[in-house]
Amino acid sequence: MNITPRKFNTFTFFKLPSAFFCGVRTKYIDDKKCVVTVKHKWINQNPFHSMFWAVQGMAAEFSTGALMMMKIKETGKHISMLVTTNNATFTKKATGLITFTCHDGKLVDQAIRKTVETGEGQTIWMQSVGINKDGVIVSTFNFEWSIKVKS
């Protein structure tokens, strides 16, 4: 079965409704990267008239998690995944359309291969960078994912 942005958006509607209603949308996914957007609007703003940091975090996390979910599904194995640590840096007010991109597909492949081969849990740091329509970085999120083959 093909994993598509539309399927991820349907998943978001049913499983992560707060992200869906805040405007988090998957735009592109392949073996190497995932692109997720979110638009600043009334429902996701902070008192300073920019996007609330947690909404940026939802979009950023989803760009890393969607890659992980797609690659786990491709293995046909039952592998658990969990964010264990995260950090973020904010460099500009997030207004307008913000695009979060994660380019860590190869790192996910290596971690999944290792957990399947050894049966031991693995951790992987993935990064998602958010840019505005002018190409200016507004935030950078790092997520440590833990994966393990379920017994």
Protein backbone atom coordinates (compact mmCIF):
# COMPACT_ATOMS: atom_id res chain seq x y z
CA MET A 1 0.00 0.00 0.00
CA ASN A 2 1.30 3.45 -0.94
CA ILE A 3 1.76 5.96 1.86
CA THR A 4 0.63 9.38 0.66
CA PRO A 5 0.27 12.86 2.17
CA ARG A 6 -3.50 12.48 1.85
CA LYS A 7 -3.46 9.32 3.97
CA PHE A 8 -1.38 11.07 6.62
CA ASN A 9 -3.82 13.99 6.64
CA THR A 10 -6.74 11.58 7.12
CA PHE A 11 -4.78 9.92 9.93
CA THR A 12 -4.25 13.36 11.52
CA PHE A 13 -7.98 14.12 11.36
CA PHE A 14 -8.94 10.91 13.20
CA LYS A 15 -5.95 10.36 15.53
CA LEU A 16 -4.59 13.88 16.13
CA PRO A 17 -7.60 16.19 15.81
CA SER A 18 -5.97 19.10 17.65
CA ALA A 19 -3.15 19.12 15.08
CA PHE A 20 -5.64 18.84 12.22
CA PHE A 21 -7.82 21.72 13.44
CA CYS A 22 -4.74 23.88 14.02
CA GLY A 23 -3.89 23.40 10.33
CA VAL A 24 -1.06 20.83 10.37
CA ARG A 25 -0.92 19.20 6.89
CA THR A 26 1.49 16.76 5.28
CA LYS A 27 2.45 18.05 1.84
CA TYR A 28 5.16 15.64 0.68
CA ILE A 29 6.83 12.43 1.78
CA ASP A 30 9.38 10.11 0.20
CA ASP A 31 12.21 7.83 1.42
CA LYS A 32 14.44 10.77 2.33
CA LYS A 33 12.25 13.60 3.58
CA CYS A 34 8.86 14.72 4.80
CA VAL A 35 7.34 18.19 4.41
CA VAL A 36 4.57 19.42 6.73
CA THR A 37 2.97 22.87 6.70
CA VAL A 38 0.93 24.90 9.13
CA LYS A 39 -0.55 28.35 8.57
CA HIS A 40 -0.72 31.02 11.25
CA LYS A 41 -4.34 31.82 12.04
CA TRP A 42 -6.53 32.82 14.96
CA ILE A 43 -6.92 29.28 16.37
CA ASN A 44 -3.17 28.65 16.63
CA GLN A 45 -1.83 32.05 17.66
CA ASN A 46 -0.26 33.21 20.89
CA PRO A 47 -0.93 36.58 22.60
CA PHE A 48 1.88 38.14 20.51
CA HIS A 49 0.07 37.51 17.21
CA SER A 50 2.39 34.79 15.99
CA MET A 51 2.07 31.02 15.94
CA PHE A 52 2.05 29.31 19.33
CA TRP A 53 5.25 27.31 19.87
CA ALA A 54 3.34 24.08 20.55
CA VAL A 55 1.61 24.25 17.17
CA GLN A 56 5.00 24.58 15.52
CA GLY A 57 6.08 21.59 17.59
CA MET A 58 3.14 19.50 16.37
CA ALA A 59 4.04 20.19 12.74
CA ALA A 60 7.74 19.62 13.31
CA GLU A 61 7.18 16.38 15.23
CA PHE A 62 4.82 15.10 12.57
CA SER A 63 7.44 15.65 9.85
CA THR A 64 9.80 13.34 11.76
CA GLY A 65 7.16 10.89 12.96
CA ALA A 66 5.56 10.45 9.53
CA LEU A 67 8.92 9.36 8.11
CA MET A 68 9.33 6.92 10.97
CA MET A 69 5.77 5.56 10.60
CA MET A 70 6.14 5.09 6.83
CA LYS A 71 9.43 3.23 7.16
CA ILE A 72 8.18 1.02 10.00
CA LYS A 73 5.13 0.10 7.92
CA GLU A 74 7.38 -0.84 4.99
CA THR A 75 9.20 -3.42 7.15
CA GLY A 76 6.01 -5.32 7.97
CA LYS A 77 7.33 -5.74 11.52
CA HIS A 78 5.71 -4.57 14.74
CA ILE A 79 8.01 -1.79 15.92
CA SER A 80 7.13 0.66 18.68
CA MET A 81 8.14 4.31 18.44
CA LEU A 82 8.19 7.03 21.07
CA VAL A 83 9.62 10.53 21.42
CA THR A 84 11.85 10.47 24.50
CA THR A 85 13.47 13.92 24.35
CA ASN A 86 13.08 17.09 22.35
CA ASN A 87 14.41 20.63 22.15
CA ALA A 88 13.73 23.65 19.99
CA THR A 89 15.19 26.98 18.98
CA PHE A 90 13.04 29.91 17.85
CA THR A 91 14.71 32.55 15.69
CA LYS A 92 11.86 34.61 14.21
CA LYS A 93 8.13 35.18 14.80
CA ALA A 94 6.15 32.50 12.98
CA THR A 95 3.48 34.18 10.85
CA GLY A 96 1.97 33.15 7.54
CA LEU A 97 2.61 29.68 6.13
CA ILE A 98 5.40 27.79 7.91
CA THR A 99 6.94 24.75 6.22
CA PHE A 100 8.68 22.11 8.35
CA THR A 101 11.03 19.73 6.59
CA CYS A 102 12.82 16.67 7.95
CA HIS A 103 15.58 15.14 5.77
CA ASP A 104 16.47 12.18 8.05
CA GLY A 105 15.08 9.24 6.09
CA LYS A 106 18.48 7.50 5.83
CA LEU A 107 19.01 7.76 9.59
CA VAL A 108 15.63 6.11 10.15
CA ASP A 109 16.58 3.28 7.75
CA GLN A 110 19.79 2.61 9.71
CA ALA A 111 18.06 2.62 13.10
CA ILE A 112 15.25 0.32 11.94
CA ARG A 113 17.72 -2.07 10.32
CA LYS A 114 19.73 -2.23 13.53
CA THR A 115 16.74 -2.80 15.83
CA VAL A 116 15.41 -5.55 13.53
CA GLU A 117 18.82 -7.26 13.31
CA THR A 118 19.69 -7.09 17.01
CA GLY A 119 16.28 -6.99 18.68
CA GLU A 120 17.61 -4.16 20.84
CA GLY A 121 16.00 -0.75 21.11
CA GLN A 122 17.57 2.11 19.21
CA THR A 123 17.46 5.87 19.59
CA ILE A 124 17.75 8.38 16.79
CA TRP A 125 17.84 12.18 16.77
CA MET A 126 15.81 13.73 13.96
CA GLN A 127 15.62 17.40 13.04
CA SER A 128 12.85 19.45 11.48
CA VAL A 129 13.44 23.02 10.34
CA GLY A 130 10.57 25.48 9.94
CA ILE A 131 10.83 28.24 7.34
CA ASN A 132 8.45 31.03 6.38
CA LYS A 133 7.37 32.02 2.86
CA ASP A 134 10.51 34.17 2.50
CA GLY A 135 12.77 31.18 3.20
CA VAL A 136 13.76 32.48 6.64
CA ILE A 137 14.18 29.91 9.41
CA VAL A 138 11.66 30.57 12.19
CA SER A 139 12.33 27.49 14.34
CA THR A 140 14.38 24.31 14.53
CA PHE A 141 13.14 21.26 16.43
CA ASN A 142 15.12 18.16 17.41
CA PHE A 143 13.37 14.97 18.51
CA GLU A 144 14.95 11.87 19.99
CA TRP A 145 12.92 8.87 18.88
CA SER A 146 13.19 5.49 20.55
CA ILE A 147 12.28 2.41 18.50
CA LYS A 148 12.14 -1.26 19.37
CA VAL A 149 10.79 -4.42 17.79
CA LYS A 150 7.76 -5.60 19.77
CA SER A 151 7.92 -9.19 20.97
